[in-house]
C-alpha cells in the first residue's frame, strides 16, 4: 500500500521477510524508520528493538482497542496507526517521525543527546538515566515522560500536554494514567519521593523538571 508513495518521495524500502533478515538490516545500519505490526511477535520485538536502537517505530495494526495501542507505546513504539488507514495520513506520520529523528540526529552533534539537571543525567543516545552516578532503569513510557520534561526544563507541562505528547491520543480521563507514571518515575529517581528534587508538581497546573 505504501510502496508507491514512499518510493515517490525517494525512500528505499527494506522488506524483512524474517527476523534474521530484519536484524541484519538493523546491524548494517540501513534503517531510518521501522513500520511493523505487533503480530506475530506481540510487543516483544518492540522491546528488543528499543533496547538497542533509538530510530522511530510506527506500529500499523488492525487492533483498534486502546489497550493494544497503550501496550505498543509502552513497549517503545513512537506512533500507532489502526488499519485500514488513509495512506496519506500514514505518509504524513512517517514524514513527521523522520523529521523529528533527523532533527535530533543533527542536534546530537552538539549536545550528544544528553540532558543534565543537576545530578540527573539523561543520555538519549544510549537511552539511559542516572542520578548522582547511579543507573536508573525506567520503562519506555517512563523514559519518554522524563525526557519530555527534561527537554522543557523549568517549563510546567499540563497532564494533557504530557499525555497527548507521549500516547498520541486525546487526553480524556488521563489524570490517573499520568499520575501513576510520574509516581513510578519519582520512586526511581528521587531520594525522597515525598520531597522531590528533580520531578516536581505544580498544583493545579502540571509537572516540571528542574
Protein backbone atom coordinates (compact mmCIF):
# COMPACT_ATOMS: atom_id res chain seq x y z
CA UNK A 1 0.00 0.00 0.00
CA UNK A 2 2.74 2.46 0.98
CA UNK A 3 5.39 1.38 -1.51
CA UNK A 4 4.44 3.76 -4.40
CA UNK A 5 4.05 6.76 -2.06
CA UNK A 6 7.34 6.16 -0.26
CA UNK A 7 9.26 5.50 -3.45
CA UNK A 8 7.74 8.66 -4.91
CA UNK A 9 9.39 10.61 -2.07
CA UNK A 10 12.76 9.00 -2.73
CA UNK A 11 12.72 6.46 0.10
CA UNK A 12 14.18 2.99 -0.28
CA UNK A 13 12.04 0.24 1.24
CA UNK A 14 13.67 -2.71 3.00
CA UNK A 15 11.20 -5.54 3.44
CA UNK A 16 12.23 -8.05 6.08
CA UNK A 17 10.64 -11.44 5.49
CA UNK A 18 12.23 -12.99 8.57
CA UNK A 19 13.59 -11.88 11.94
CA UNK A 20 17.10 -12.82 10.82
CA UNK A 21 16.80 -10.55 7.80
CA UNK A 22 15.34 -7.76 9.94
CA UNK A 23 18.21 -7.83 12.44
CA UNK A 24 20.70 -7.92 9.57
CA UNK A 25 19.23 -4.66 8.25
CA UNK A 26 19.45 -3.19 11.75
CA UNK A 27 23.04 -4.29 12.33
CA UNK A 28 24.06 -2.87 8.96
CA UNK A 29 22.58 0.49 9.97
CA UNK A 30 20.38 0.63 6.86
CA UNK A 31 17.12 1.66 8.52
CA UNK A 32 15.94 5.14 9.49
CA UNK A 33 12.38 4.21 10.45
CA UNK A 34 10.52 0.97 11.15
CA UNK A 35 6.96 0.15 10.07
CA UNK A 36 5.74 -3.04 11.72
CA UNK A 37 2.73 -4.88 13.04
CA UNK A 38 2.71 -6.35 16.53
CA UNK A 39 1.71 -9.74 15.07
CA UNK A 40 3.05 -12.40 15.29
CA UNK A 41 5.64 -11.37 17.88
CA UNK A 42 3.49 -9.23 20.16
CA UNK A 43 5.29 -6.31 21.80
CA UNK A 44 8.43 -8.39 22.49
CA UNK A 45 10.00 -7.29 19.19
CA UNK A 46 9.37 -3.62 20.02
CA UNK A 47 11.15 -4.03 23.36
CA UNK A 48 14.08 -5.79 21.69
CA UNK A 49 14.42 -3.01 19.11
CA UNK A 50 14.17 -0.26 21.69
CA UNK A 51 16.80 -1.91 23.88
CA UNK A 52 19.43 -1.17 21.26
CA UNK A 53 18.14 1.44 18.83
CA UNK A 54 16.54 4.90 19.04
CA UNK A 55 15.17 5.20 15.49
CA UNK A 56 11.41 5.83 15.20
CA UNK A 57 8.95 2.91 15.21
CA UNK A 58 5.42 3.17 13.81
CA UNK A 59 3.11 0.25 14.54
CA UNK A 60 0.42 -0.44 11.93
CA UNK A 61 -2.18 -2.86 13.23
CA UNK A 62 -5.79 -3.92 12.79
CA UNK A 63 -6.07 -3.93 16.60
CA UNK A 64 -8.08 -0.78 17.27
CA UNK A 65 -8.58 -1.11 21.02
CA UNK A 66 -6.93 1.37 23.35
CA UNK A 67 -5.16 -1.39 25.39
CA UNK A 68 -3.31 -2.56 22.25
CA UNK A 69 -2.19 1.00 21.50
CA UNK A 70 -1.02 1.59 25.05
CA UNK A 71 0.88 -1.71 25.17
CA UNK A 72 2.69 -0.88 21.93
CA UNK A 73 3.61 2.61 23.09
CA UNK A 74 4.69 1.28 26.48
CA UNK A 75 6.96 -1.21 24.69
CA UNK A 76 8.71 1.55 22.77
CA UNK A 77 6.66 2.47 19.68
CA UNK A 78 6.63 6.17 18.75
CA UNK A 79 3.28 6.08 16.96
CA UNK A 80 0.37 3.69 16.36
CA UNK A 81 -1.85 3.59 13.27
CA UNK A 82 -5.00 1.48 13.04
CA UNK A 83 -5.52 -0.43 9.79
CA UNK A 84 -7.10 0.08 7.39
CA UNK A 85 -5.98 3.70 7.23
CA UNK A 86 -5.65 6.55 4.77
CA UNK A 87 -2.23 6.08 3.10
CA UNK A 88 -1.72 9.84 3.00
CA UNK A 89 -2.25 10.05 6.77
CA UNK A 90 0.34 7.32 7.33
CA UNK A 91 2.71 9.11 4.96
CA UNK A 92 2.28 12.32 6.99
CA UNK A 93 3.08 10.41 10.19
CA UNK A 94 6.18 8.91 8.57
CA UNK A 95 7.33 12.37 7.47
CA UNK A 96 6.78 13.71 10.99
CA UNK A 97 8.77 10.93 12.65
CA UNK A 98 11.62 11.15 10.13
CA UNK A 99 11.74 14.93 10.54
CA UNK A 100 11.95 14.60 14.33
CA UNK A 101 14.55 11.85 14.07
CA UNK A 102 16.67 13.89 11.64
CA UNK A 103 16.46 17.00 13.83
CA UNK A 104 17.55 15.01 16.87
CA UNK A 105 20.37 13.42 14.88
CA UNK A 106 21.61 16.86 13.81
CA UNK A 107 21.25 18.18 17.34
CA UNK A 108 23.26 15.28 18.73
CA UNK A 109 26.38 16.57 17.01
CA UNK A 110 26.33 19.43 19.51
CA UNK A 111 24.73 18.04 22.66
CA UNK A 112 25.15 14.30 22.06
CA UNK A 113 21.58 13.72 23.24
CA UNK A 114 22.50 14.39 26.86
CA UNK A 115 20.19 16.32 29.19
CA UNK A 116 21.55 17.31 32.61
CA UNK A 117 19.53 18.61 35.54
CA UNK A 118 21.96 18.86 38.44
CA UNK A 119 22.73 15.20 39.30
CA UNK A 120 20.12 13.81 36.89
CA UNK A 121 21.57 12.79 33.52
CA UNK A 122 19.51 11.55 30.56
CA UNK A 123 21.57 10.14 27.69
CA UNK A 124 19.17 9.89 24.77
CA UNK A 125 21.72 8.17 22.54
CA UNK A 126 22.05 5.28 24.98
CA UNK A 127 18.50 5.71 26.33
CA UNK A 128 19.94 5.63 29.83
CA UNK A 129 19.19 7.60 33.01
CA UNK A 130 21.42 8.10 36.01
CA UNK A 131 21.13 10.02 39.27
CA UNK A 132 24.35 11.02 41.03
CA UNK A 133 26.13 8.33 39.02
CA UNK A 134 23.59 5.62 39.90
CA UNK A 135 21.92 4.00 36.89
CA UNK A 136 18.12 4.08 36.93
CA UNK A 137 16.03 1.64 34.91
CA UNK A 138 12.85 3.17 33.51
CA UNK A 139 10.15 1.66 31.31
CA UNK A 140 9.95 3.12 27.76
CA UNK A 141 6.96 5.29 28.71
CA UNK A 142 8.59 6.50 31.93
CA UNK A 143 11.70 7.37 29.94
CA UNK A 144 9.72 9.34 27.36
CA UNK A 145 7.89 11.32 30.05
CA UNK A 146 11.09 12.19 31.90
CA UNK A 147 12.90 13.12 28.67
CA UNK A 148 9.96 15.31 27.58
CA UNK A 149 10.04 17.22 30.86
CA UNK A 150 13.86 17.48 30.84
CA UNK A 151 13.81 18.85 27.29
CA UNK A 152 11.45 21.57 28.56
CA UNK A 153 13.44 22.12 31.77
CA UNK A 154 11.75 24.58 34.09
CA UNK A 155 8.57 24.69 32.00
CA UNK A 156 5.36 23.36 33.51
CA UNK A 157 3.59 20.84 31.27
CA UNK A 158 -0.03 20.02 31.90
CA UNK A 159 -1.32 16.47 32.22
CA UNK A 160 -2.98 16.92 28.81
CA UNK A 161 0.33 18.09 27.26
CA UNK A 162 2.16 15.07 28.63
CA UNK A 163 -0.49 12.51 27.69
CA UNK A 164 -1.01 13.75 24.14
CA UNK A 165 2.76 14.02 23.52
CA UNK A 166 3.51 10.50 24.77
CA UNK A 167 0.41 8.47 23.92
CA UNK A 168 -0.59 10.38 20.74
CA UNK A 169 -4.23 10.25 21.81
CA UNK A 170 -6.73 12.80 23.09
CA UNK A 171 -6.33 13.24 26.84
CA UNK A 172 -9.68 12.04 28.11
CA UNK A 173 -9.51 10.91 31.74
CA UNK A 174 -5.71 10.94 31.56
CA UNK A 175 -5.07 12.29 35.07
CA UNK A 176 -4.64 8.93 36.78
CA UNK A 177 -2.56 7.42 33.96
CA UNK A 178 -0.03 10.26 34.01
CA UNK A 179 -0.01 10.49 37.82
CA UNK A 180 0.81 6.78 38.18
CA UNK A 181 3.75 7.04 35.78
CA UNK A 182 5.02 10.20 37.48
CA UNK A 183 4.87 8.43 40.85
CA UNK A 184 6.86 5.47 39.49
CA UNK A 185 9.49 7.79 38.00
CA UNK A 186 9.84 9.63 41.30
CA UNK A 187 10.25 6.39 43.20
CA UNK A 188 13.17 5.55 40.93
CA UNK A 189 14.98 8.89 40.62
CA UNK A 190 14.21 10.72 43.87
CA UNK A 191 16.00 10.10 47.17
CA UNK A 192 12.83 11.31 48.90
CA UNK A 193 9.81 10.99 46.57
CA UNK A 194 7.68 12.93 49.03
CA UNK A 195 10.01 15.90 48.72
CA UNK A 196 11.25 15.64 45.12
CA UNK A 197 14.39 17.37 43.93
CA UNK A 198 14.00 16.79 40.19
CA UNK A 199 10.42 15.96 39.19
CA UNK A 200 8.06 18.47 40.77
CA UNK A 201 4.32 19.03 40.74
CA UNK A 202 2.85 22.50 40.29
CA UNK A 203 -0.56 22.06 41.90
CA UNK A 204 -3.46 22.73 39.57
CA UNK A 205 -1.14 23.18 36.60
CA UNK A 206 1.06 20.15 35.89
CA UNK A 207 4.61 18.87 36.26
CA UNK A 208 8.11 20.12 35.58
CA UNK A 209 11.74 19.04 35.86
CA UNK A 210 14.17 21.46 37.47
